C-alpha atoms as a PDB file:
ATOM      1  CA  THR A   1       5.289   9.529  17.852  1.00  0.00           C
ATOM      2  CA  ASP A   2       8.196  11.484  16.147  1.00  0.00           C
ATOM      3  CA  VAL A   3       8.249  10.023  12.780  1.00  0.00           C
ATOM      4  CA  THR A   4      11.538  11.815  12.023  1.00  0.00           C
ATOM      5  CA  ALA A   5      13.364  10.145  14.848  1.00  0.00           C
ATOM      6  CA  GLN A   6      16.224   7.807  14.328  1.00  0.00           C
ATOM      7  CA  TRP A   7      14.957   5.126  16.649  1.00  0.00           C
ATOM      8  CA  ARG A   8      11.460   4.470  17.708  1.00  0.00           C
ATOM      9  CA  GLU A   9      10.127   1.505  19.901  1.00  0.00           C
ATOM     10  CA  GLY A  10       7.013   0.362  21.351  1.00  0.00           C
ATOM     11  CA  ASN A  11       4.976  -2.580  22.539  1.00  0.00           C
ATOM     12  CA  SER A  12       1.358  -3.961  22.225  1.00  0.00           C
ATOM     13  CA  ILE A  13      -0.566  -6.843  23.416  1.00  0.00           C
ATOM     14  CA  VAL A  14      -2.908  -8.475  20.658  1.00  0.00           C
ATOM     15  CA  GLY A  15      -5.015 -11.143  22.134  1.00  0.00           C
ATOM     16  CA  ARG A  16      -2.671 -12.838  24.620  1.00  0.00           C
ATOM     17  CA  THR A  17       0.496 -12.344  22.540  1.00  0.00           C
ATOM     18  CA  HIS A  18       3.057  -9.698  23.263  1.00  0.00           C
ATOM     19  CA  TYR A  19       4.373  -7.608  20.273  1.00  0.00           C
ATOM     20  CA  SER A  20       7.372  -5.203  20.462  1.00  0.00           C
ATOM     21  CA  PHE A  21       8.804  -3.111  17.628  1.00  0.00           C
ATOM     22  CA  ILE A  22      11.789  -1.168  16.916  1.00  0.00           C
ATOM     23  CA  THR A  23      12.024   0.934  13.761  1.00  0.00           C
ATOM     24  CA  GLY A  24      14.030   3.972  12.377  1.00  0.00           C
ATOM     25  CA  PRO A  25      17.393   4.682  10.313  1.00  0.00           C
ATOM     26  CA  ALA A  26      19.587   3.861  13.464  1.00  0.00           C
ATOM     27  CA  VAL A  27      18.268   0.196  13.470  1.00  0.00           C
ATOM     28  CA  VAL A  28      21.121  -1.596  11.987  1.00  0.00           C
ATOM     29  CA  PRO A  29      21.743  -5.385  11.673  1.00  0.00           C
ATOM     30  CA  GLY A  30      23.062  -6.568  14.880  1.00  0.00           C
ATOM     31  CA  TYR A  31      20.541  -5.089  17.200  1.00  0.00           C
ATOM     32  CA  PHE A  32      17.347  -6.523  18.755  1.00  0.00           C
ATOM     33  CA  SER A  33      16.562  -7.946  22.310  1.00  0.00           C
ATOM     34  CA  VAL A  34      18.404 -11.098  22.985  1.00  0.00           C
ATOM     35  CA  ASP A  35      15.565 -12.879  24.664  1.00  0.00           C
ATOM     36  CA  VAL A  36      13.234 -13.087  21.636  1.00  0.00           C
ATOM     37  CA  ASN A  37      12.320 -16.333  20.006  1.00  0.00           C
ATOM     38  CA  ASN A  38      10.335 -14.917  16.906  1.00  0.00           C
ATOM     39  CA  VAL A  39      11.120 -11.990  14.684  1.00  0.00           C
ATOM     40  CA  VAL A  40       9.399 -10.045  11.875  1.00  0.00           C
ATOM     41  CA  LEU A  41      11.680  -8.124   9.806  1.00  0.00           C
ATOM     42  CA  VAL A  42      10.191  -5.262   7.750  1.00  0.00           C
ATOM     43  CA  LEU A  43      12.579  -4.891   4.664  1.00  0.00           C
ATOM     44  CA  ASN A  44      12.756  -2.750   1.708  1.00  0.00           C
ATOM     45  CA  GLY A  45      13.536  -4.594  -1.466  1.00  0.00           C
ATOM     46  CA  ARG A  46      12.610  -1.726  -3.992  1.00  0.00           C
ATOM     47  CA  GLU A  47      15.947  -1.196  -5.512  1.00  0.00           C
ATOM     48  CA  LYS A  48      19.379  -2.475  -5.613  1.00  0.00           C
ATOM     49  CA  ALA A  49      21.002  -0.409  -2.736  1.00  0.00           C
ATOM     50  CA  LYS A  50      17.972  -1.204  -0.371  1.00  0.00           C
ATOM     51  CA  VAL A  51      18.228  -4.999  -1.502  1.00  0.00           C
ATOM     52  CA  PHE A  52      21.856  -5.081  -0.335  1.00  0.00           C
ATOM     53  CA  TYR A  53      21.055  -3.629   2.981  1.00  0.00           C
ATOM     54  CA  ALA A  54      18.034  -6.030   3.326  1.00  0.00           C
ATOM     55  CA  THR A  55      20.413  -8.920   2.601  1.00  0.00           C
ATOM     56  CA  GLN A  56      22.678  -7.817   5.409  1.00  0.00           C
ATOM     57  CA  TRP A  57      19.813  -8.000   7.978  1.00  0.00           C
ATOM     58  CA  LEU A  58      18.809 -11.576   6.430  1.00  0.00           C
ATOM     59  CA  LEU A  59      22.485 -12.852   6.927  1.00  0.00           C
ATOM     60  CA  TYR A  60      22.522 -11.564  10.304  1.00  0.00           C
ATOM     61  CA  VAL A  61      19.391 -13.222  11.293  1.00  0.00           C
ATOM     62  CA  GLN A  62      20.450 -16.497   9.444  1.00  0.00           C
ATOM     63  CA  ASN A  63      23.226 -16.694  11.768  1.00  0.00           C
ATOM     64  CA  LEU A  64      21.004 -16.352  14.825  1.00  0.00           C
ATOM     65  CA  VAL A  65      18.678 -19.104  13.481  1.00  0.00           C
ATOM     66  CA  GLN A  66      21.689 -21.425  12.910  1.00  0.00           C
ATOM     67  CA  THR A  67      23.047 -20.792  16.473  1.00  0.00           C
ATOM     68  CA  GLN A  68      19.538 -21.516  17.835  1.00  0.00           C
ATOM     69  CA  LYS A  69      19.201 -18.016  19.404  1.00  0.00           C
ATOM     70  CA  LEU A  70      16.137 -17.597  17.196  1.00  0.00           C
ATOM     71  CA  GLN A  71      13.268 -20.004  16.359  1.00  0.00           C
ATOM     72  CA  HIS A  72      10.915 -18.347  13.843  1.00  0.00           C
ATOM     73  CA  VAL A  73      11.462 -15.736  11.188  1.00  0.00           C
ATOM     74  CA  ALA A  74       8.941 -13.786   9.008  1.00  0.00           C
ATOM     75  CA  VAL A  75       9.613 -10.955   6.496  1.00  0.00           C
ATOM     76  CA  VAL A  76       7.307  -8.161   5.211  1.00  0.00           C
ATOM     77  CA  LEU A  77       8.881  -6.914   2.196  1.00  0.00           C
ATOM     78  CA  LEU A  78       8.314  -3.799   0.239  1.00  0.00           C
ATOM     79  CA  GLY A  79       8.661  -5.459  -3.141  1.00  0.00           C
ATOM     80  CA  ASN A  80      10.129  -4.166  -6.368  1.00  0.00           C
ATOM     81  CA  GLU A  81       7.569  -2.276  -8.368  1.00  0.00           C
ATOM     82  CA  HIS A  82       8.364  -4.654 -11.381  1.00  0.00           C
ATOM     83  CA  CYS A  83       7.989  -7.513  -8.897  1.00  0.00           C
ATOM     84  CA  ASN A  84      11.541  -8.741  -9.549  1.00  0.00           C
ATOM     85  CA  ASN A  85      12.079 -10.104  -5.966  1.00  0.00           C
ATOM     86  CA  GLU A  86      14.076 -13.289  -6.853  1.00  0.00           C
ATOM     87  CA  TRP A  87      16.921 -12.224  -4.510  1.00  0.00           C
ATOM     88  CA  ILE A  88      14.890 -13.296  -1.401  1.00  0.00           C
ATOM     89  CA  ASN A  89      14.206 -16.793  -2.806  1.00  0.00           C
ATOM     90  CA  GLN A  90      17.204 -18.402  -1.409  1.00  0.00           C
ATOM     91  CA  PHE A  91      16.261 -17.247   2.212  1.00  0.00           C
ATOM     92  CA  LEU A  92      12.678 -18.817   2.108  1.00  0.00           C
ATOM     93  CA  LYS A  93      12.114 -21.905   4.127  1.00  0.00           C
ATOM     94  CA  ARG A  94      10.471 -23.702   1.036  1.00  0.00           C
ATOM     95  CA  ASN A  95      13.853 -23.421  -0.620  1.00  0.00           C
ATOM     96  CA  GLY A  96      15.994 -24.540   2.277  1.00  0.00           C
ATOM     97  CA  GLY A  97      16.168 -21.240   3.999  1.00  0.00           C
ATOM     98  CA  PHE A  98      14.734 -20.005   7.285  1.00  0.00           C
ATOM     99  CA  VAL A  99      12.145 -17.367   6.316  1.00  0.00           C
ATOM    100  CA  GLU A 100       8.964 -19.196   7.252  1.00  0.00           C
ATOM    101  CA  LEU A 101       6.353 -16.546   6.107  1.00  0.00           C
ATOM    102  CA  LEU A 102       6.654 -13.724   3.611  1.00  0.00           C
ATOM    103  CA  PHE A 103       4.204 -10.901   3.312  1.00  0.00           C
ATOM    104  CA  ILE A 104       5.001  -9.097   0.095  1.00  0.00           C
ATOM    105  CA  ILE A 105       3.817  -5.678  -1.202  1.00  0.00           C
ATOM    106  CA  TYR A 106       2.633  -5.642  -4.856  1.00  0.00           C
ATOM    107  CA  ASP A 107       0.917  -8.367  -6.705  1.00  0.00           C
ATOM    108  CA  SER A 108       3.020 -11.451  -7.126  1.00  0.00           C
ATOM    109  CA  PRO A 109       2.673 -15.029  -8.738  1.00  0.00           C
ATOM    110  CA  TRP A 110       4.324 -16.259  -5.586  1.00  0.00           C
ATOM    111  CA  ILE A 111       1.261 -15.480  -3.332  1.00  0.00           C
ATOM    112  CA  ASN A 112      -0.362 -18.730  -2.219  1.00  0.00           C
ATOM    113  CA  ASP A 113      -1.960 -17.777   1.107  1.00  0.00           C
ATOM    114  CA  MET A 114       0.183 -20.676   2.828  1.00  0.00           C
ATOM    115  CA  ASP A 115       3.682 -19.143   3.172  1.00  0.00           C
ATOM    116  CA  VAL A 116       3.451 -16.166   0.859  1.00  0.00           C
ATOM    117  CA  PHE A 117       0.731 -13.578   1.432  1.00  0.00           C
ATOM    118  CA  GLN A 118       0.076 -10.104  -0.224  1.00  0.00           C
ATOM    119  CA  TRP A 119       0.366  -7.159   1.950  1.00  0.00           C
ATOM    120  CA  PRO A 120      -1.118  -3.695   0.903  1.00  0.00           C
ATOM    121  CA  LEU A 121       1.133  -0.725   0.051  1.00  0.00           C
ATOM    122  CA  GLY A 122      -0.821   1.751   2.286  1.00  0.00           C
ATOM    123  CA  VAL A 123      -0.185   5.347   2.466  1.00  0.00           C
ATOM    124  CA  ALA A 124       3.242   7.087   1.885  1.00  0.00           C
ATOM    125  CA  THR A 125       4.296   7.547   5.666  1.00  0.00           C
ATOM    126  CA  TYR A 126       7.758   8.451   4.509  1.00  0.00           C
ATOM    127  CA  ARG A 127       6.373  11.625   3.124  1.00  0.00           C
ATOM    128  CA  ASN A 128       4.543  12.179   6.247  1.00  0.00           C
ATOM    129  CA  PHE A 129       1.074  11.377   5.260  1.00  0.00           C
ATOM    130  CA  PRO A 130      -0.832  11.280   8.552  1.00  0.00           C
ATOM    131  CA  VAL A 131      -3.253   8.915  10.066  1.00  0.00           C
ATOM    132  CA  VAL A 132      -6.632  10.688   9.147  1.00  0.00           C
ATOM    133  CA  GLU A 133      -9.579  10.805  11.446  1.00  0.00           C
ATOM    134  CA  ALA A 134     -12.898  11.049   9.802  1.00  0.00           C
ATOM    135  CA  SER A 135     -14.811  14.440  10.714  1.00  0.00           C
ATOM    136  CA  TRP A 136     -18.351  15.584  10.350  1.00  0.00           C
ATOM    137  CA  SER A 137     -17.418  17.830   7.345  1.00  0.00           C
ATOM    138  CA  MET A 138     -15.428  15.185   5.567  1.00  0.00           C
ATOM    139  CA  LEU A 139     -18.720  13.081   5.581  1.00  0.00           C
ATOM    140  CA  TYR A 140     -21.325  15.557   5.166  1.00  0.00           C
ATOM    141  CA  ASN A 141     -20.010  18.631   3.198  1.00  0.00           C
ATOM    142  CA  GLU A 142     -20.714  19.303  -0.352  1.00  0.00           C
ATOM    143  CA  ARG A 143     -17.295  18.827  -2.224  1.00  0.00           C
ATOM    144  CA  PRO A 144     -16.334  21.562  -4.957  1.00  0.00           C
ATOM    145  CA  TYR A 145     -14.498  19.163  -7.269  1.00  0.00           C
ATOM    146  CA  LEU A 146     -15.841  16.093  -9.209  1.00  0.00           C
ATOM    147  CA  CYS A 147     -12.354  14.741  -9.223  1.00  0.00           C
ATOM    148  CA  ASN A 148      -8.598  15.272  -8.666  1.00  0.00           C
ATOM    149  CA  PHE A 149      -5.295  14.441 -10.037  1.00  0.00           C
ATOM    150  CA  LEU A 150      -2.163  15.880  -8.549  1.00  0.00           C
ATOM    151  CA  GLY A 151       0.900  14.014  -9.802  1.00  0.00           C
ATOM    152  CA  THR A 152       3.787  13.396 -12.232  1.00  0.00           C
ATOM    153  CA  ILE A 153       3.212  13.078 -16.067  1.00  0.00           C
ATOM    154  CA  TYR A 154       5.579  10.621 -17.588  1.00  0.00           C
ATOM    155  CA  GLU A 155       6.243  10.738 -21.288  1.00  0.00           C
ATOM    156  CA  ASN A 156       4.290   8.309 -23.444  1.00  0.00           C
ATOM    157  CA  SER A 157       2.276   7.017 -20.406  1.00  0.00           C
ATOM    158  CA  SER A 158      -1.368   6.616 -19.836  1.00  0.00           C
ATOM    159  CA  ARG A 159      -1.177   9.690 -17.568  1.00  0.00           C
ATOM    160  CA  GLN A 160      -0.624  11.699 -20.861  1.00  0.00           C
ATOM    161  CA  ALA A 161      -3.687  10.153 -22.208  1.00  0.00           C
ATOM    162  CA  LEU A 162      -5.717  10.874 -19.135  1.00  0.00           C
ATOM    163  CA  MET A 163      -4.566  14.713 -19.247  1.00  0.00           C
ATOM    164  CA  ASN A 164      -5.638  14.856 -22.955  1.00  0.00           C
ATOM    165  CA  ILE A 165      -9.104  13.393 -22.096  1.00  0.00           C
ATOM    166  CA  LEU A 166      -9.417  15.966 -19.066  1.00  0.00           C
ATOM    167  CA  LYS A 167      -8.713  18.859 -21.335  1.00  0.00           C
ATOM    168  CA  GLN A 168     -10.911  17.729 -24.371  1.00  0.00           C
ATOM    169  CA  GLY A 169     -14.161  18.012 -22.760  1.00  0.00           C
ATOM    170  CA  GLY A 170     -13.156  20.818 -20.289  1.00  0.00           C
ATOM    171  CA  ILE A 171     -13.423  18.293 -17.697  1.00  0.00           C
ATOM    172  CA  ASP A 172     -10.331  19.861 -16.149  1.00  0.00           C
ATOM    173  CA  LYS A 173     -12.451  22.763 -15.013  1.00  0.00           C
ATOM    174  CA  LEU A 174     -14.519  20.432 -12.742  1.00  0.00           C
ATOM    175  CA  CYS A 175     -11.622  18.733 -11.330  1.00  0.00           C
ATOM    176  CA  TRP A 176      -8.560  19.756  -9.351  1.00  0.00           C
ATOM    177  CA  VAL A 177      -5.688  19.024 -11.631  1.00  0.00           C
ATOM    178  CA  SER A 178      -2.062  20.003 -10.949  1.00  0.00           C
ATOM    179  CA  VAL A 179       0.751  18.256 -12.759  1.00  0.00           C
ATOM    180  CA  ARG A 180       4.614  18.270 -12.845  1.00  0.00           C
ATOM    181  CA  GLU A 181       6.983  16.574 -15.279  1.00  0.00           C
ATOM    182  CA  GLN A 182       9.562  15.444 -12.551  1.00  0.00           C
ATOM    183  CA  TRP A 183       8.711  13.014  -9.663  1.00  0.00           C
ATOM    184  CA  GLN A 184       9.611  14.572  -6.249  1.00  0.00           C
ATOM    185  CA  PRO A 185      10.482  12.004  -3.607  1.00  0.00           C
ATOM    186  CA  GLN A 186       9.847  14.490  -0.819  1.00  0.00           C
ATOM    187  CA  GLU A 187       6.684  16.737  -0.216  1.00  0.00           C
ATOM    188  CA  THR A 188       7.155  20.113   1.089  1.00  0.00           C
ATOM    189  CA  ASN A 189       4.740  21.100   3.770  1.00  0.00           C
ATOM    190  CA  GLU A 190       2.770  23.254   1.416  1.00  0.00           C
ATOM    191  CA  SER A 191       2.594  20.332  -1.297  1.00  0.00           C
ATOM    192  CA  LEU A 192       1.351  17.959   1.368  1.00  0.00           C
ATOM    193  CA  LYS A 193      -1.161  20.301   2.520  1.00  0.00           C
ATOM    194  CA  ASN A 194      -2.441  21.087  -1.022  1.00  0.00           C
ATOM    195  CA  TYR A 195      -2.611  17.309  -1.734  1.00  0.00           C
ATOM    196  CA  GLN A 196      -4.670  16.444   1.378  1.00  0.00           C
ATOM    197  CA  GLU A 197      -6.911  19.464   0.503  1.00  0.00           C
ATOM    198  CA  ALA A 198      -7.500  18.082  -2.996  1.00  0.00           C
ATOM    199  CA  LEU A 199      -8.423  14.696  -1.686  1.00  0.00           C
ATOM    200  CA  LEU A 200     -10.798  16.242   0.880  1.00  0.00           C
ATOM    201  CA  GLN A 201     -12.465  18.577  -1.682  1.00  0.00           C
ATOM    202  CA  SER A 202     -13.023  15.904  -4.446  1.00  0.00           C
ATOM    203  CA  ASP A 203     -15.655  13.147  -4.606  1.00  0.00           C
ATOM    204  CA  LEU A 204     -13.188  11.125  -6.805  1.00  0.00           C
ATOM    205  CA  THR A 205      -9.451  10.618  -6.954  1.00  0.00           C
ATOM    206  CA  LEU A 206      -8.125   9.667 -10.187  1.00  0.00           C
ATOM    207  CA  CYS A 207      -5.390   6.721  -9.898  1.00  0.00           C
ATOM    208  CA  PRO A 208      -3.564   6.085 -13.000  1.00  0.00           C
ATOM    209  CA  VAL A 209      -1.015   3.455 -13.088  1.00  0.00           C
ATOM    210  CA  GLY A 210       2.709   4.407 -12.395  1.00  0.00           C
ATOM    211  CA  VAL A 211       5.580   1.839 -12.549  1.00  0.00           C
ATOM    212  CA  ASN A 212       2.984  -0.565 -10.817  1.00  0.00           C
ATOM    213  CA  THR A 213      -0.777  -0.515 -10.763  1.00  0.00           C
ATOM    214  CA  GLU A 214      -0.880  -0.156  -6.899  1.00  0.00           C
ATOM    215  CA  CYS A 215       0.017   3.234  -5.580  1.00  0.00           C
ATOM    216  CA  TYR A 216      -0.216   5.266  -2.315  1.00  0.00           C
ATOM    217  CA  ARG A 217      -2.827   7.567  -3.948  1.00  0.00           C
ATOM    218  CA  ILE A 218      -5.397   4.720  -3.715  1.00  0.00           C
ATOM    219  CA  TYR A 219      -5.151   4.456  -0.024  1.00  0.00           C
ATOM    220  CA  GLU A 220      -4.628   8.184   0.733  1.00  0.00           C
ATOM    221  CA  ALA A 221      -7.956   8.958  -1.229  1.00  0.00           C
ATOM    222  CA  CYS A 222      -9.705   6.378   0.934  1.00  0.00           C
ATOM    223  CA  SER A 223      -8.279   8.106   4.065  1.00  0.00           C
ATOM    224  CA  TYR A 224     -10.434  11.269   3.064  1.00  0.00           C
ATOM    225  CA  GLY A 225     -13.641   9.407   1.648  1.00  0.00           C
ATOM    226  CA  SER A 226     -12.615  10.345  -1.887  1.00  0.00           C
ATOM    227  CA  VAL A 227     -13.442   7.266  -4.096  1.00  0.00           C
ATOM    228  CA  PRO A 228     -10.615   5.997  -6.088  1.00  0.00           C
ATOM    229  CA  VAL A 229     -11.040   5.728  -9.966  1.00  0.00           C
ATOM    230  CA  VAL A 230      -8.305   2.957 -10.627  1.00  0.00           C
ATOM    231  CA  GLU A 231      -6.829   2.330 -13.821  1.00  0.00           C
ATOM    232  CA  ASP A 232      -7.031  -1.410 -13.799  1.00  0.00           C
ATOM    233  CA  VAL A 233      -4.400  -2.579 -16.140  1.00  0.00           C
ATOM    234  CA  MET A 234      -1.161  -4.730 -15.435  1.00  0.00           C
ATOM    235  CA  THR A 235       1.980  -3.023 -15.646  1.00  0.00           C
ATOM    236  CA  ALA A 236       5.352  -4.387 -17.058  1.00  0.00           C
ATOM    237  CA  GLY A 237       7.371  -6.647 -14.963  1.00  0.00           C
ATOM    238  CA  SER A 238       6.813 -10.125 -13.244  1.00  0.00           C
ATOM    239  CA  CYS A 239       3.634  -9.269 -11.008  1.00  0.00           C
ATOM    240  CA  GLY A 240       1.394 -11.726 -12.630  1.00  0.00           C
ATOM    241  CA  ASN A 241      -0.699 -12.487 -15.556  1.00  0.00           C
ATOM    242  CA  THR A 242      -4.317 -11.151 -16.223  1.00  0.00           C
ATOM    243  CA  SER A 243      -5.157 -14.119 -18.405  1.00  0.00           C
ATOM    244  CA  VAL A 244      -4.147 -16.523 -15.495  1.00  0.00           C
ATOM    245  CA  SER A 245      -5.691 -14.786 -12.770  1.00  0.00           C
ATOM    246  CA  GLN A 246      -8.969 -12.692 -13.354  1.00  0.00           C
ATOM    247  CA  ASN A 247      -8.341 -10.687 -10.206  1.00  0.00           C
ATOM    248  CA  ALA A 248      -4.944  -9.457 -11.231  1.00  0.00           C
ATOM    249  CA  PRO A 249      -3.808  -6.729 -10.816  1.00  0.00           C
ATOM    250  CA  LEU A 250      -4.672  -5.472  -7.385  1.00  0.00           C
ATOM    251  CA  GLN A 251      -5.714  -9.109  -6.079  1.00  0.00           C
ATOM    252  CA  LEU A 252      -5.854  -8.168  -2.432  1.00  0.00           C
ATOM    253  CA  LEU A 253      -8.149  -5.114  -2.767  1.00  0.00           C
ATOM    254  CA  LYS A 254     -10.506  -6.880  -5.180  1.00  0.00           C
ATOM    255  CA  SER A 255     -10.744 -10.012  -2.993  1.00  0.00           C
ATOM    256  CA  MET A 256     -11.655  -7.771  -0.028  1.00  0.00           C
ATOM    257  CA  GLY A 257     -14.485  -5.956  -2.057  1.00  0.00           C
ATOM    258  CA  ALA A 258     -12.849  -2.581  -2.340  1.00  0.00           C
ATOM    259  CA  PRO A 259     -15.728  -0.324  -3.461  1.00  0.00           C
ATOM    260  CA  PHE A 260     -13.643   1.664  -5.946  1.00  0.00           C
ATOM    261  CA  ILE A 261     -14.461   2.472  -9.630  1.00  0.00           C
ATOM    262  CA  PHE A 262     -12.077   0.234 -11.843  1.00  0.00           C
ATOM    263  CA  ILE A 263     -11.623   1.307 -15.452  1.00  0.00           C
ATOM    264  CA  LYS A 264      -9.497  -0.319 -18.100  1.00  0.00           C
ATOM    265  CA  ASN A 265      -9.022   3.004 -20.382  1.00  0.00           C
ATOM    266  CA  TRP A 266      -9.133   6.686 -19.402  1.00  0.00           C
ATOM    267  CA  LYS A 267     -11.812   7.103 -22.390  1.00  0.00           C
ATOM    268  CA  GLU A 268     -14.252   5.646 -19.932  1.00  0.00           C
ATOM    269  CA  LEU A 269     -13.862   8.613 -17.596  1.00  0.00           C
ATOM    270  CA  PRO A 270     -16.310  11.105 -19.220  1.00  0.00           C
ATOM    271  CA  ALA A 271     -19.096   8.638 -18.754  1.00  0.00           C
ATOM    272  CA  VAL A 272     -18.039   8.232 -15.178  1.00  0.00           C
ATOM    273  CA  LEU A 273     -18.016  11.954 -14.549  1.00  0.00           C
ATOM    274  CA  GLU A 274     -21.380  12.317 -16.341  1.00  0.00           C
ATOM    275  CA  LYS A 275     -22.866   9.857 -13.910  1.00  0.00           C
ATOM    276  CA  GLU A 276     -21.263  11.836 -10.961  1.00  0.00           C
ATOM    277  CA  LYS A 277     -22.975  14.878 -11.950  1.00  0.00           C
ATOM    278  CA  THR A 278     -26.416  13.298 -11.569  1.00  0.00           C
ATOM    279  CA  MET A 279     -25.735  12.009  -8.019  1.00  0.00           C
ATOM    280  CA  THR A 280     -27.366  13.912  -5.038  1.00  0.00           C
ATOM    281  CA  LEU A 281     -25.328  14.966  -2.070  1.00  0.00           C
ATOM    282  CA  GLN A 282     -27.172  12.372   0.042  1.00  0.00           C
ATOM    283  CA  GLU A 283     -26.135   9.582  -2.275  1.00  0.00           C
ATOM    284  CA  LYS A 284     -22.437  10.886  -2.057  1.00  0.00           C
ATOM    285  CA  ILE A 285     -22.707  10.916   1.676  1.00  0.00           C
ATOM    286  CA  GLN A 286     -23.842   7.265   1.738  1.00  0.00           C
ATOM    287  CA  ARG A 287     -20.982   6.420  -0.562  1.00  0.00           C
ATOM    288  CA  ARG A 288     -18.439   8.159   1.538  1.00  0.00           C
ATOM    289  CA  LYS A 289     -19.713   6.526   4.599  1.00  0.00           C
ATOM    290  CA  MET A 290     -19.384   3.021   2.927  1.00  0.00           C
ATOM    291  CA  LEU A 291     -15.908   3.780   1.559  1.00  0.00           C
ATOM    292  CA  LEU A 292     -14.618   4.956   5.015  1.00  0.00           C
ATOM    293  CA  HIS A 293     -16.263   2.027   6.777  1.00  0.00           C
ATOM    294  CA  TRP A 294     -14.841  -0.395   4.238  1.00  0.00           C
ATOM    295  CA  TYR A 295     -11.337   1.061   4.623  1.00  0.00           C
ATOM    296  CA  GLN A 296     -11.380   0.765   8.347  1.00  0.00           C
ATOM    297  CA  HIS A 297     -12.680  -2.856   8.179  1.00  0.00           C
ATOM    298  CA  PHE A 298      -9.862  -3.563   5.606  1.00  0.00           C
ATOM    299  CA  LYS A 299      -7.126  -2.514   7.950  1.00  0.00           C
ATOM    300  CA  THR A 300      -8.711  -4.314  10.916  1.00  0.00           C
ATOM    301  CA  GLU A 301      -9.169  -7.463   9.017  1.00  0.00           C
ATOM    302  CA  LEU A 302      -5.477  -7.301   7.823  1.00  0.00           C
ATOM    303  CA  LYS A 303      -4.340  -6.812  11.225  1.00  0.00           C
ATOM    304  CA  THR A 304      -6.167  -9.825  12.463  1.00  0.00           C
ATOM    305  CA  LYS A 305      -5.093 -11.898   9.612  1.00  0.00           C
ATOM    306  CA  PHE A 306      -1.392 -10.927   9.983  1.00  0.00           C
ATOM    307  CA  THR A 307      -1.392 -11.678  13.928  1.00  0.00           C
ATOM    308  CA  ASN A 308      -3.298 -14.925  13.260  1.00  0.00           C
ATOM    309  CA  ILE A 309      -0.881 -16.255  10.567  1.00  0.00           C
ATOM    310  CA  LEU A 310       2.127 -15.392  12.944  1.00  0.00           C
ATOM    311  CA  GLU A 311       0.535 -16.982  15.844  1.00  0.00           C
ATOM    312  CA  SER A 312      -0.566 -20.116  14.137  1.00  0.00           C
ATOM    313  CA  SER A 313       2.763 -20.549  12.487  1.00  0.00           C
ATOM    314  CA  PHE A 314       5.172 -19.581  15.388  1.00  0.00           C
ATOM    315  CA  LEU A 315       3.455 -20.131  18.561  1.00  0.00           C
ATOM    316  CA  ILE A 316       1.993 -23.380  17.629  1.00  0.00           C
ATOM    317  CA  ASN A 317       5.267 -24.648  16.258  1.00  0.00           C
ATOM    318  CA  ASN A 318       6.914 -23.575  19.309  1.00  0.00           C
ATOM    319  CA  LYS A 319       4.848 -25.901  21.370  1.00  0.00           C
ATOM    320  CA  GLY A 320       5.351 -28.766  19.035  1.00  0.00           C
END
């Protein structure tokens, strides 16, 4: 349970299948149990240095497959925010490599639900965001703020437009707004507590795009029953094309019926907040319950989908 540990391991049984995991900074290429046939690597491909390290893992595992010490390999990849993930292509089975299944974070034109699947970003565990248990007060209390936005404002971004709109109508008086100009990779205990409190005390959480449309904030808001107001626009890079796919961006969330408020432009926000003001507490409670129920169902569904895909691909092929 110590998330700062250099090494963590555990086991679980899902259905009739035994899963074990090892994780942590001390887990380097060259170690996992020798009596394992099937391996899922969880790799970080977010930037050059991480890609270099992830490639070392893949080369190590490639050797195990070639010497028949391993039978099946899948990868869960924290993709690049611009969706430039070409480096992993050579390792995919469809291209003559050995990775049979790829679960990729962020939208991608590669996703076909046959050998490449979308995986959600989730919450920022690396910044110690916790697993949140729903409480009575989270569900039933009146929340003092209509909305919140705590984040970094990048120059010439839609976040600047959002701030202008918040200031114009004095909306920032109704919302918990706290901004900075430099992104901080790590939270202090105080800033994390502040952020969690803002989610808990607001009916809505504003989710402007960053480098990618998908952000931790979406999932963190769900954890506290605060409805994400998501800027539903495609960001720069190779993540997909809205003219080809109606559901892009955020295909996975949309396909699973996420009960969010999607907007194309922050100019739509004042109307959203006006509507908010007319809602009764009872209506808000119902909406919170629905959001929390959906989020729980979303996680359970994905867990089931993940294990089913692995088992049907690996275990059935083993018998063959």
